[in-house]
Protein backbone atom coordinates (compact mmCIF):
# COMPACT_ATOMS: atom_id res chain seq x y z
CA MET A 1 111.26 107.34 30.90
CA LYS A 2 112.04 107.56 26.90
CA PRO A 3 109.16 108.65 24.85
CA LEU A 4 106.31 106.40 24.43
CA ARG A 5 107.17 103.76 21.57
CA ILE A 6 104.76 102.30 19.00
CA LEU A 7 104.58 98.63 19.89
CA ALA A 8 101.22 97.55 18.82
CA ALA A 9 98.64 94.69 19.30
CA GLY A 10 95.46 94.08 21.20
CA LEU A 11 92.14 92.24 21.37
CA ILE A 12 89.11 92.95 23.04
CA CYS A 13 87.55 89.81 24.59
CA GLY A 14 84.05 89.43 25.97
CA MET A 15 82.63 89.68 29.71
CA SER A 16 84.15 86.40 30.97
CA VAL A 17 87.24 87.22 33.03
CA PRO A 18 88.47 83.72 33.09
CA LEU A 19 89.72 84.30 29.58
CA CYS A 20 91.88 87.15 30.12
CA HIS A 21 95.55 86.63 31.30
CA ALA A 22 97.79 88.49 34.08
CA ASP A 23 99.79 90.16 31.36
CA ASP A 24 96.74 91.60 29.53
CA VAL A 25 96.09 95.24 29.59
CA THR A 26 92.54 95.43 30.76
CA GLY A 27 89.75 98.35 30.61
CA SER A 28 86.23 98.71 31.29
CA GLY A 29 83.75 101.39 30.67
CA SER A 30 82.37 103.26 27.93
CA THR A 31 80.00 101.40 25.73
CA PHE A 32 80.10 104.49 23.57
CA ALA A 33 83.69 103.76 22.82
CA ALA A 34 83.69 99.84 22.89
CA PRO A 35 83.38 99.11 18.98
CA LEU A 36 86.60 101.55 18.52
CA TYR A 37 88.55 100.17 21.32
CA ALA A 38 87.73 96.55 19.88
CA LYS A 39 89.17 97.48 16.38
CA TRP A 40 92.07 99.17 17.85
CA ALA A 41 92.84 96.27 20.22
CA ASP A 42 92.59 93.78 17.43
CA GLU A 43 94.89 95.75 15.16
CA TYR A 44 97.51 96.44 17.53
CA ARG A 45 97.60 92.75 18.44
CA LYS A 46 97.97 92.17 14.90
CA ALA A 47 100.87 94.40 14.87
CA GLY A 48 102.56 92.54 17.53
CA GLY A 49 101.96 94.00 20.84
CA SER A 50 100.24 92.88 23.95
CA ARG A 51 96.76 91.85 24.36
CA VAL A 52 94.19 94.52 25.55
CA VAL A 53 91.01 93.41 27.10
CA TYR A 54 87.93 95.64 27.34
CA HIS A 55 84.77 95.33 29.11
CA PRO A 56 81.87 97.60 27.92
CA THR A 57 80.20 98.16 31.39
CA GLY A 58 79.22 102.01 31.14
CA SER A 59 81.49 105.08 32.06
CA SER A 60 80.47 105.47 35.64
CA ASN A 61 81.43 101.58 36.30
CA GLY A 62 84.53 101.90 34.29
CA LEU A 63 85.94 104.79 36.48
CA LYS A 64 84.76 102.77 39.65
CA GLN A 65 86.88 99.98 38.56
CA VAL A 66 90.08 102.08 37.82
CA MET A 67 90.08 103.64 41.15
CA ALA A 68 89.82 100.24 42.56
CA HIS A 69 92.83 99.11 40.71
CA GLU A 70 90.70 96.31 39.07
CA VAL A 71 91.49 97.59 35.55
CA ASP A 72 94.40 99.29 33.81
CA PHE A 73 92.29 102.03 32.07
CA ALA A 74 88.52 103.15 32.32
CA GLY A 75 86.85 104.35 28.98
CA SER A 76 84.65 107.35 29.83
CA ASP A 77 82.44 109.81 27.99
CA ALA A 78 82.49 111.97 30.85
CA SER A 79 85.41 114.17 31.37
CA LEU A 80 86.79 114.55 35.14
CA SER A 81 87.81 117.99 36.30
CA ASP A 82 91.24 118.95 37.11
CA GLU A 83 90.33 118.72 40.82
CA GLN A 84 88.84 115.25 40.57
CA LEU A 85 91.98 113.93 38.56
CA LYS A 86 94.34 115.38 41.44
CA ARG A 87 92.21 113.95 44.15
CA ASP A 88 91.87 110.28 42.82
CA GLY A 89 95.38 110.31 41.44
CA LEU A 90 94.38 109.95 37.72
CA LEU A 91 95.34 110.93 34.13
CA GLN A 92 92.99 111.54 31.50
CA PHE A 93 92.72 112.18 27.69
CA PRO A 94 90.27 112.14 24.98
CA THR A 95 90.73 109.42 22.24
CA ALA A 96 88.03 110.05 19.89
CA ILE A 97 84.86 112.06 19.07
CA GLY A 98 81.49 110.54 18.69
CA ALA A 99 77.75 111.54 18.09
CA VAL A 100 74.79 110.91 19.85
CA VAL A 101 71.57 110.74 18.05
CA PRO A 102 67.55 110.76 18.91
CA VAL A 103 65.94 107.41 17.75
CA VAL A 104 62.32 106.42 17.05
CA ASN A 105 60.20 103.39 16.40
CA LEU A 106 57.28 104.83 14.17
CA PRO A 107 55.87 102.90 11.38
CA GLY A 108 55.91 104.46 8.31
CA ILE A 109 58.50 107.09 9.08
CA LYS A 110 61.91 106.84 7.49
CA ALA A 111 65.54 107.51 8.97
CA GLY A 112 65.89 111.31 8.81
CA GLN A 113 62.35 112.04 7.82
CA LEU A 114 61.56 113.32 11.07
CA MET A 115 62.79 116.65 12.27
CA LEU A 116 63.02 117.88 15.96
CA THR A 117 64.65 120.74 17.92
CA GLY A 118 66.20 120.69 21.03
CA GLU A 119 63.35 122.45 22.92
CA VAL A 120 60.78 119.82 21.79
CA LEU A 121 63.28 117.12 22.72
CA GLY A 122 63.43 118.55 26.05
CA ASP A 123 59.68 118.68 26.28
CA ILE A 124 59.31 115.21 25.12
CA PHE A 125 61.83 113.80 27.85
CA LEU A 126 60.20 115.88 30.48
CA GLY A 127 56.84 114.41 29.62
CA LYS A 128 55.19 117.80 28.49
CA ILE A 129 54.56 116.30 24.92
CA ILE A 130 52.99 112.86 25.13
CA TYR A 131 51.78 112.04 21.73
CA TRP A 132 53.29 111.79 18.41
CA ASP A 133 50.78 114.26 16.70
CA ASP A 134 51.33 116.99 19.22
CA PRO A 135 51.12 120.56 17.44
CA ALA A 136 54.85 121.22 18.17
CA ILE A 137 56.04 118.35 16.51
CA ALA A 138 53.43 118.69 13.63
CA ARG A 139 54.43 122.11 13.08
CA LEU A 140 58.24 121.16 12.70
CA ASN A 141 57.22 118.43 10.25
CA PRO A 142 54.19 119.74 7.82
CA HIS A 143 54.80 117.12 5.13
CA VAL A 144 54.99 114.07 7.35
CA LYS A 145 51.42 112.84 8.89
CA MET A 146 52.53 112.17 12.43
CA PRO A 147 50.53 109.35 14.18
CA ASN A 148 48.43 109.61 17.24
CA ASN A 149 50.51 107.26 19.24
CA PRO A 150 51.76 107.76 22.88
CA ILE A 151 55.49 108.52 23.09
CA ALA A 152 57.47 106.03 24.93
CA VAL A 153 60.67 107.30 26.51
CA VAL A 154 63.50 105.22 26.68
CA ARG A 155 66.84 106.36 28.46
CA ARG A 156 69.74 104.89 30.20
CA GLN A 157 69.38 103.13 33.64
CA ASP A 158 73.38 102.80 34.15
CA GLY A 159 75.90 105.79 34.93
CA SER A 160 76.62 106.80 31.29
CA GLY A 161 78.96 109.26 29.63
CA THR A 162 76.39 109.06 26.91
CA THR A 163 73.49 110.44 29.15
CA LEU A 164 76.16 113.22 30.20
CA ILE A 165 76.34 114.40 26.76
CA TRP A 166 72.68 114.11 26.06
CA THR A 167 71.67 115.75 29.19
CA HIS A 168 74.02 118.53 28.78
CA TYR A 169 72.63 119.19 25.51
CA LEU A 170 69.36 119.27 26.83
CA ALA A 171 70.37 121.80 29.47
CA GLN A 172 71.76 124.11 26.81
CA VAL A 173 68.56 124.26 25.00
CA SER A 174 65.81 123.83 27.52
CA PRO A 175 65.76 126.19 30.59
CA GLU A 176 63.35 124.00 32.03
CA TRP A 177 65.37 120.86 31.79
CA LYS A 178 68.28 122.52 33.28
CA ARG A 179 66.14 123.69 36.55
CA ARG A 180 64.36 120.61 37.07
CA VAL A 181 66.75 117.57 35.87
CA GLY A 182 70.13 119.30 35.07
CA GLU A 183 72.99 116.98 33.59
CA GLY A 184 75.20 114.29 34.82
CA THR A 185 76.12 110.74 34.12
CA THR A 186 72.92 109.81 36.04
CA VAL A 187 70.02 112.18 36.87
CA ARG A 188 66.58 111.92 38.27
CA TRP A 189 64.51 111.22 35.08
CA PRO A 190 60.90 112.64 34.92
CA LEU A 191 59.85 109.39 33.00
CA GLY A 192 60.87 106.67 30.65
CA ILE A 193 62.02 103.15 30.57
CA GLY A 194 65.57 102.23 31.52
CA GLY A 195 67.99 100.50 29.17
CA LYS A 196 71.52 99.33 30.10
CA GLY A 197 74.03 100.50 27.71
CA ASN A 198 73.64 101.90 24.56
CA GLU A 199 72.56 98.36 23.34
CA GLY A 200 69.86 98.18 25.73
CA VAL A 201 68.30 101.51 24.88
CA ALA A 202 68.68 100.58 21.27
CA THR A 203 66.88 97.07 21.87
CA TYR A 204 64.04 98.65 23.72
CA VAL A 205 63.59 101.43 21.11
CA GLY A 206 63.78 98.74 18.38
CA TYR A 207 60.99 96.74 20.03
CA LEU A 208 58.82 99.45 21.28
CA PRO A 209 56.32 101.01 18.98
CA GLY A 210 56.11 104.99 19.60
CA ALA A 211 59.41 104.73 21.34
CA ILE A 212 62.06 107.45 21.32
CA GLY A 213 65.59 107.23 22.81
CA TYR A 214 69.18 108.51 22.47
CA VAL A 215 72.02 106.15 21.33
CA ALA A 216 75.71 106.70 20.12
CA TRP A 217 75.62 106.61 16.34
CA ASP A 218 77.51 103.44 15.78
CA PHE A 219 74.62 101.32 17.89
CA THR A 220 71.99 103.46 15.70
CA LYS A 221 73.51 102.22 12.62
CA GLN A 222 74.50 98.33 13.68
CA ASN A 223 70.41 98.06 14.83
CA HIS A 224 69.26 100.01 11.66
CA LEU A 225 67.28 102.15 14.04
CA THR A 226 65.27 105.38 12.82
CA TYR A 227 67.09 108.36 13.59
CA THR A 228 65.90 111.91 13.33
CA ALA A 229 67.22 115.17 11.81
CA MET A 230 67.83 117.88 14.27
CA THR A 231 68.25 121.90 14.28
CA ASN A 232 71.84 122.83 15.16
CA ALA A 233 72.79 126.07 17.19
CA THR A 234 72.68 128.15 13.96
CA GLY A 235 69.03 126.96 13.28
CA ALA A 236 70.15 124.98 10.39
CA ILE A 237 68.69 121.37 10.07
CA VAL A 238 71.34 118.61 9.95
CA GLN A 239 71.26 114.98 9.30
CA PRO A 240 73.69 112.75 11.45
CA ASP A 241 76.70 111.87 9.02
CA THR A 242 80.38 111.89 8.70
CA ALA A 243 80.15 115.73 7.48
CA THR A 244 78.10 117.09 10.35
CA PHE A 245 80.25 115.15 12.83
CA ASN A 246 83.28 116.34 11.53
CA ALA A 247 82.11 119.89 11.12
CA ALA A 248 81.15 119.93 14.95
CA ALA A 249 84.54 118.73 15.93
CA ALA A 250 86.21 121.27 13.61
CA SER A 251 84.07 124.04 15.47
CA ALA A 252 85.29 123.19 18.66
CA ASP A 253 88.28 125.62 20.27
CA TRP A 254 90.78 123.15 21.27
CA SER A 255 93.43 125.73 21.93
CA GLY A 256 92.86 125.47 25.62
CA SER A 257 91.63 122.67 27.63
CA LEU A 258 91.39 119.26 26.02
CA TYR A 259 88.23 118.33 28.35
CA GLN A 260 85.42 120.18 26.92
CA PHE A 261 81.83 119.27 25.82
CA LEU A 262 81.33 119.27 21.99
CA THR A 263 77.63 120.18 22.04
CA ASN A 264 75.77 122.61 20.49
CA GLN A 265 78.84 123.86 18.58
CA PRO A 266 78.54 126.75 16.45
CA GLY A 267 79.22 125.81 13.11
CA LYS A 268 76.65 125.97 10.58
CA ASP A 269 76.78 122.35 9.79
CA ALA A 270 77.59 121.03 12.93
CA TRP A 271 75.63 117.84 14.46
CA PRO A 272 74.44 119.36 17.88
CA VAL A 273 75.09 116.32 20.23
CA MET A 274 78.43 115.38 20.19
CA GLY A 275 81.26 114.42 22.73
CA ALA A 276 84.45 113.18 23.42
CA THR A 277 85.38 109.79 24.75
CA TYR A 278 88.27 109.51 27.13
CA ALA A 279 90.81 107.14 28.62
CA VAL A 280 91.48 107.29 32.11
CA VAL A 281 94.49 105.78 34.06
CA LEU A 282 95.83 105.66 37.36
CA ALA A 283 98.93 107.65 37.81
CA LYS A 284 100.36 105.50 40.40
CA PRO A 285 99.23 102.14 39.68
CA ASP A 286 99.98 98.97 41.76
CA ASN A 287 101.74 97.64 38.44
CA VAL A 288 103.97 100.17 36.67
CA GLN A 289 104.52 97.67 33.89
CA HIS A 290 100.78 97.69 32.93
CA LEU A 291 100.56 101.29 32.94
CA GLN A 292 103.50 101.45 30.43
CA GLN A 293 101.86 98.93 28.16
CA THR A 294 98.40 100.80 28.62
CA LEU A 295 100.10 104.05 27.31
CA LYS A 296 102.06 102.10 24.65
CA PHE A 297 98.59 101.03 23.58
CA PHE A 298 97.10 104.17 23.44
CA ASP A 299 100.36 106.00 22.04
CA TRP A 300 99.96 103.51 18.77
CA ALA A 301 96.03 104.28 18.89
CA LEU A 302 96.73 107.70 18.62
CA MET A 303 99.58 107.45 15.88
CA HIS A 304 97.93 104.76 13.80
CA GLY A 305 94.36 104.03 15.17
CA GLN A 306 92.79 107.24 13.63
CA SER A 307 92.26 106.05 10.28
CA PHE A 308 89.83 103.51 11.78
CA SER A 309 87.50 106.10 13.60
CA GLN A 310 85.70 107.26 10.69
CA ALA A 311 85.36 103.69 9.41
CA LEU A 312 83.34 103.04 12.59
CA ASP A 313 81.43 106.33 12.54
CA TYR A 314 83.29 108.17 14.97
CA SER A 315 85.27 111.63 14.25
CA PRO A 316 89.15 111.29 14.31
CA LEU A 317 90.84 113.83 16.84
CA PRO A 318 92.30 117.00 14.91
CA ASN A 319 95.98 116.14 14.51
CA PRO A 320 97.12 119.14 16.57
CA VAL A 321 95.19 117.32 19.47
CA VAL A 322 96.86 114.00 18.74
CA ALA A 323 100.21 116.03 19.07
CA LYS A 324 99.07 117.87 22.55
CA ILE A 325 97.78 114.49 24.06
CA ARG A 326 101.03 112.41 23.15
CA SER A 327 103.20 115.44 24.48
CA GLN A 328 101.22 115.50 27.67
CA LEU A 329 101.42 111.71 28.29
CA ASN A 330 104.99 111.63 27.54
CA GLY A 331 105.78 114.46 29.92
CA ASN A 332 102.95 113.08 32.88
CA ALA A 333 103.95 109.46 32.21
CA ALA A 334 107.56 109.93 32.76
CA SER A 335 107.33 112.06 35.86
CA ASP A 336 104.43 109.57 37.30
CA LEU A 337 106.48 106.67 36.62
CA ALA A 338 109.64 107.75 37.83
CA HIS A 339 107.76 108.51 41.12
CA SER A 340 105.93 105.19 41.14
CA SER A 341 109.00 103.18 40.70
CA ALA A 342 111.11 104.97 43.28
CA THR A 343 108.59 104.19 46.00
CA GLN A 344 108.06 100.65 45.01
């Protein structure tokens, strides 16, 4: 196969399957990545390429659908191991980097005014800290009058890469969380109200006084949620913004595997809860033409779509990472497509 060419095009339609057509490129999964894939698909469509239809159903569901040959690609915020990829016949590559932030609903508390550490967050989500005026929180915020309100924990109820990023971070900063709960796209939560998707968590936090949850940064901004500052791996207090997100992305070591966690990066300005979002495709799909169209869409996105990432509050992939992905896609896709074509 010739190197992936820049074709262009795309449009993300809603949840109604009858609106989609047989020649559409279809995907499902990550709600974390959905706004970016929507923008990429719209711009790709304007540039003249095939339509791209993406359903934000959650990372776990997206992976189930791609393995069931129901969609052409999955969006997932949880990277798969080399063993999983080989076992299930999948190809995987990162597409962008995004942040997860703690969000609260506390009357009188402004966005960024409250500061929390990883240890305190772990104790809140373990149910060890149950009131907002707990001494552990008050000590961190001597200039903020904390209310005597009970804390209502909100978390995801569906399998989620956002949950994997969040629980991976908590397992790094809280030995008790690591021992009792661990990390994953789904975990046995000690407590909390479950919301479906980032939007479900954002909605619950927005309407429930005293609530705290974890949400992708774009949903935080869209829903005007009150986010908190955090301490990072160096002990510095950081706010969630473009500079701290880019600092975390720049601190990561991309020289080895492209599939890595970006939580608790060592940069002094790095936001501590970050993760890459991935596209996952079948190496040997039923429809080879759809794989070709899918890879062409992502090739265009990697080359021309990174400029939209920052405008949507994602961090673009570093240029060397983009070059590495495109090289791997060309090599893997050529081999796999040749094999698939020969066996059909």
